[in-house]
Amino acid sequence: MKDKDKTKEQLISKLVEMRRRIAELESWAMERKRSEETLGEVG
């Protein structure tokens, strides 16, 4: 189903889920960066 065919509630739900996923990915990216910095200090 294309976005233009979805109801407002469906689009809001999709937006909420996408924001949650972005926050999760940003968190993982920060954790990875910290890990790489720690490894760089050790090596």
PDB file of N, CA and C in Angstrom:
ATOM      1  N   MET A   1       0.839  -1.180   0.000  1.00  0.00           N
ATOM      2  CA  MET A   1       0.000   0.000   0.000  1.00  0.00           C
ATOM      3  C   MET A   1       0.889   1.250   0.000  1.00  0.00           C
ATOM      4  N   LYS A   2       0.587   2.164  -0.866  1.00  0.00           N
ATOM      5  CA  LYS A   2       1.354   3.400  -0.959  1.00  0.00           C
ATOM      6  C   LYS A   2       0.918   4.364   0.135  1.00  0.00           C
ATOM      7  N   ASP A   3       1.853   5.236   0.539  1.00  0.00           N
ATOM      8  CA  ASP A   3       1.557   6.181   1.614  1.00  0.00           C
ATOM      9  C   ASP A   3       0.335   7.044   1.317  1.00  0.00           C
ATOM     10  N   LYS A   4       0.146   7.418   0.060  1.00  0.00           N
ATOM     11  CA  LYS A   4      -0.988   8.302  -0.263  1.00  0.00           C
ATOM     12  C   LYS A   4      -2.325   7.599  -0.060  1.00  0.00           C
ATOM     13  N   ASP A   5      -2.313   6.269  -0.002  1.00  0.00           N
ATOM     14  CA  ASP A   5      -3.541   5.510   0.203  1.00  0.00           C
ATOM     15  C   ASP A   5      -3.800   5.194   1.678  1.00  0.00           C
ATOM     16  N   LYS A   6      -2.884   5.574   2.563  1.00  0.00           N
ATOM     17  CA  LYS A   6      -3.012   5.259   3.987  1.00  0.00           C
ATOM     18  C   LYS A   6      -3.804   6.343   4.712  1.00  0.00           C
ATOM     19  N   THR A   7      -4.389   5.934   5.827  1.00  0.00           N
ATOM     20  CA  THR A   7      -5.126   6.887   6.647  1.00  0.00           C
ATOM     21  C   THR A   7      -4.142   7.734   7.450  1.00  0.00           C
ATOM     22  N   LYS A   8      -4.634   8.817   7.997  1.00  0.00           N
ATOM     23  CA  LYS A   8      -3.798   9.684   8.825  1.00  0.00           C
ATOM     24  C   LYS A   8      -3.219   8.886  10.000  1.00  0.00           C
ATOM     25  N   GLU A   9      -4.033   8.048  10.616  1.00  0.00           N
ATOM     26  CA  GLU A   9      -3.587   7.251  11.758  1.00  0.00           C
ATOM     27  C   GLU A   9      -2.470   6.284  11.351  1.00  0.00           C
ATOM     28  N   GLN A  10      -2.589   5.688  10.169  1.00  0.00           N
ATOM     29  CA  GLN A  10      -1.556   4.775   9.684  1.00  0.00           C
ATOM     30  C   GLN A  10      -0.250   5.522   9.435  1.00  0.00           C
ATOM     31  N   LEU A  11      -0.353   6.712   8.869  1.00  0.00           N
ATOM     32  CA  LEU A  11       0.846   7.508   8.602  1.00  0.00           C
ATOM     33  C   LEU A  11       1.516   7.960   9.897  1.00  0.00           C
ATOM     34  N   ILE A  12       0.717   8.351  10.876  1.00  0.00           N
ATOM     35  CA  ILE A  12       1.278   8.752  12.165  1.00  0.00           C
ATOM     36  C   ILE A  12       1.975   7.563  12.824  1.00  0.00           C
ATOM     37  N   SER A  13       1.367   6.411  12.758  1.00  0.00           N
ATOM     38  CA  SER A  13       1.957   5.200  13.324  1.00  0.00           C
ATOM     39  C   SER A  13       3.291   4.884  12.645  1.00  0.00           C
ATOM     40  N   LYS A  14       3.316   5.008  11.331  1.00  0.00           N
ATOM     41  CA  LYS A  14       4.546   4.758  10.577  1.00  0.00           C
ATOM     42  C   LYS A  14       5.621   5.770  10.960  1.00  0.00           C
ATOM     43  N   LEU A  15       5.245   7.036  11.127  1.00  0.00           N
ATOM     44  CA  LEU A  15       6.181   8.080  11.518  1.00  0.00           C
ATOM     45  C   LEU A  15       6.768   7.799  12.899  1.00  0.00           C
ATOM     46  N   VAL A  16       5.929   7.407  13.843  1.00  0.00           N
ATOM     47  CA  VAL A  16       6.390   7.085  15.196  1.00  0.00           C
ATOM     48  C   VAL A  16       7.397   5.938  15.145  1.00  0.00           C
ATOM     49  N   GLU A  17       7.093   4.900  14.381  1.00  0.00           N
ATOM     50  CA  GLU A  17       7.994   3.752  14.255  1.00  0.00           C
ATOM     51  C   GLU A  17       9.319   4.164  13.611  1.00  0.00           C
ATOM     52  N   MET A  18       9.282   4.994  12.599  1.00  0.00           N
ATOM     53  CA  MET A  18      10.508   5.432  11.931  1.00  0.00           C
ATOM     54  C   MET A  18      11.371   6.277  12.870  1.00  0.00           C
ATOM     55  N   ARG A  19      10.734   7.137  13.664  1.00  0.00           N
ATOM     56  CA  ARG A  19      11.485   7.944  14.635  1.00  0.00           C
ATOM     57  C   ARG A  19      12.151   7.050  15.671  1.00  0.00           C
ATOM     58  N   ARG A  20      11.449   5.997  16.104  1.00  0.00           N
ATOM     59  CA  ARG A  20      12.012   5.063  17.077  1.00  0.00           C
ATOM     60  C   ARG A  20      13.231   4.353  16.485  1.00  0.00           C
ATOM     61  N   ARG A  21      13.107   3.933  15.238  1.00  0.00           N
ATOM     62  CA  ARG A  21      14.215   3.241  14.575  1.00  0.00           C
ATOM     63  C   ARG A  21      15.418   4.161  14.388  1.00  0.00           C
ATOM     64  N   ILE A  22      15.170   5.420  14.038  1.00  0.00           N
ATOM     65  CA  ILE A  22      16.260   6.388  13.883  1.00  0.00           C
ATOM     66  C   ILE A  22      16.982   6.572  15.215  1.00  0.00           C
ATOM     67  N   ALA A  23      16.220   6.723  16.292  1.00  0.00           N
ATOM     68  CA  ALA A  23      16.828   6.892  17.617  1.00  0.00           C
ATOM     69  C   ALA A  23      17.671   5.674  17.977  1.00  0.00           C
ATOM     70  N   GLU A  24      17.187   4.488  17.662  1.00  0.00           N
ATOM     71  CA  GLU A  24      17.924   3.256  17.938  1.00  0.00           C
ATOM     72  C   GLU A  24      19.219   3.209  17.135  1.00  0.00           C
ATOM     73  N   LEU A  25      19.147   3.550  15.867  1.00  0.00           N
ATOM     74  CA  LEU A  25      20.345   3.545  15.023  1.00  0.00           C
ATOM     75  C   LEU A  25      21.361   4.592  15.479  1.00  0.00           C
ATOM     76  N   GLU A  26      20.880   5.760  15.894  1.00  0.00           N
ATOM     77  CA  GLU A  26      21.788   6.791  16.397  1.00  0.00           C
ATOM     78  C   GLU A  26      22.479   6.324  17.666  1.00  0.00           C
ATOM     79  N   SER A  27      21.751   5.629  18.516  1.00  0.00           N
ATOM     80  CA  SER A  27      22.321   5.094  19.752  1.00  0.00           C
ATOM     81  C   SER A  27      23.398   4.060  19.433  1.00  0.00           C
ATOM     82  N   TRP A  28      23.114   3.162  18.501  1.00  0.00           N
ATOM     83  CA  TRP A  28      24.099   2.162  18.100  1.00  0.00           C
ATOM     84  C   TRP A  28      25.341   2.826  17.506  1.00  0.00           C
ATOM     85  N   ALA A  29      25.140   3.875  16.724  1.00  0.00           N
ATOM     86  CA  ALA A  29      26.270   4.574  16.111  1.00  0.00           C
ATOM     87  C   ALA A  29      27.147   5.214  17.181  1.00  0.00           C
ATOM     88  N   MET A  30      26.536   5.791  18.201  1.00  0.00           N
ATOM     89  CA  MET A  30      27.318   6.397  19.282  1.00  0.00           C
ATOM     90  C   MET A  30      28.090   5.333  20.054  1.00  0.00           C
ATOM     91  N   GLU A  31      27.449   4.189  20.309  1.00  0.00           N
ATOM     92  CA  GLU A  31      28.133   3.093  21.001  1.00  0.00           C
ATOM     93  C   GLU A  31      29.316   2.598  20.179  1.00  0.00           C
ATOM     94  N   ARG A  32      29.131   2.472  18.884  1.00  0.00           N
ATOM     95  CA  ARG A  32      30.221   2.013  18.016  1.00  0.00           C
ATOM     96  C   ARG A  32      31.379   3.004  18.033  1.00  0.00           C
ATOM     97  N   LYS A  33      31.058   4.280  17.956  1.00  0.00           N
ATOM     98  CA  LYS A  33      32.102   5.303  17.971  1.00  0.00           C
ATOM     99  C   LYS A  33      32.888   5.241  19.275  1.00  0.00           C
ATOM    100  N   ARG A  34      32.192   5.100  20.397  1.00  0.00           N
ATOM    101  CA  ARG A  34      32.887   4.996  21.686  1.00  0.00           C
ATOM    102  C   ARG A  34      33.778   3.758  21.717  1.00  0.00           C
ATOM    103  N   SER A  35      33.278   2.649  21.187  1.00  0.00           N
ATOM    104  CA  SER A  35      34.065   1.416  21.158  1.00  0.00           C
ATOM    105  C   SER A  35      35.318   1.601  20.302  1.00  0.00           C
ATOM    106  N   GLU A  36      35.162   2.235  19.149  1.00  0.00           N
ATOM    107  CA  GLU A  36      36.306   2.460  18.264  1.00  0.00           C
ATOM    108  C   GLU A  36      37.316   3.389  18.925  1.00  0.00           C
ATOM    109  N   GLU A  37      36.839   4.415  19.637  1.00  0.00           N
ATOM    110  CA  GLU A  37      37.754   5.307  20.333  1.00  0.00           C
ATOM    111  C   GLU A  37      38.503   4.568  21.430  1.00  0.00           C
ATOM    112  N   THR A  38      37.813   3.706  22.145  1.00  0.00           N
ATOM    113  CA  THR A  38      38.440   2.914  23.212  1.00  0.00           C
ATOM    114  C   THR A  38      39.480   1.979  22.618  1.00  0.00           C
ATOM    115  N   LEU A  39      39.155   1.325  21.536  1.00  0.00           N
ATOM    116  CA  LEU A  39      40.105   0.428  20.881  1.00  0.00           C
ATOM    117  C   LEU A  39      41.315   1.198  20.357  1.00  0.00           C
ATOM    118  N   GLY A  40      41.088   2.404  19.879  1.00  0.00           N
ATOM    119  CA  GLY A  40      42.184   3.234  19.382  1.00  0.00           C
ATOM    120  C   GLY A  40      43.131   3.626  20.495  1.00  0.00           C
ATOM    121  N   GLU A  41      42.598   3.865  21.693  1.00  0.00           N
ATOM    122  CA  GLU A  41      43.428   4.223  22.835  1.00  0.00           C
ATOM    123  C   GLU A  41      44.251   3.032  23.294  1.00  0.00           C
ATOM    124  N   VAL A  42      43.684   1.830  23.205  1.00  0.00           N
ATOM    125  CA  VAL A  42      44.379   0.614  23.635  1.00  0.00           C
ATOM    126  C   VAL A  42      45.476   0.247  22.636  1.00  0.00           C
ATOM    127  N   GLY A  43      45.161   0.389  21.340  1.00  0.00           N
ATOM    128  CA  GLY A  43      46.082  -0.055  20.299  1.00  0.00           C
ATOM    129  C   GLY A  43      47.025   0.979  19.960  1.00  0.00           C
TER     130      GLY A  43
END
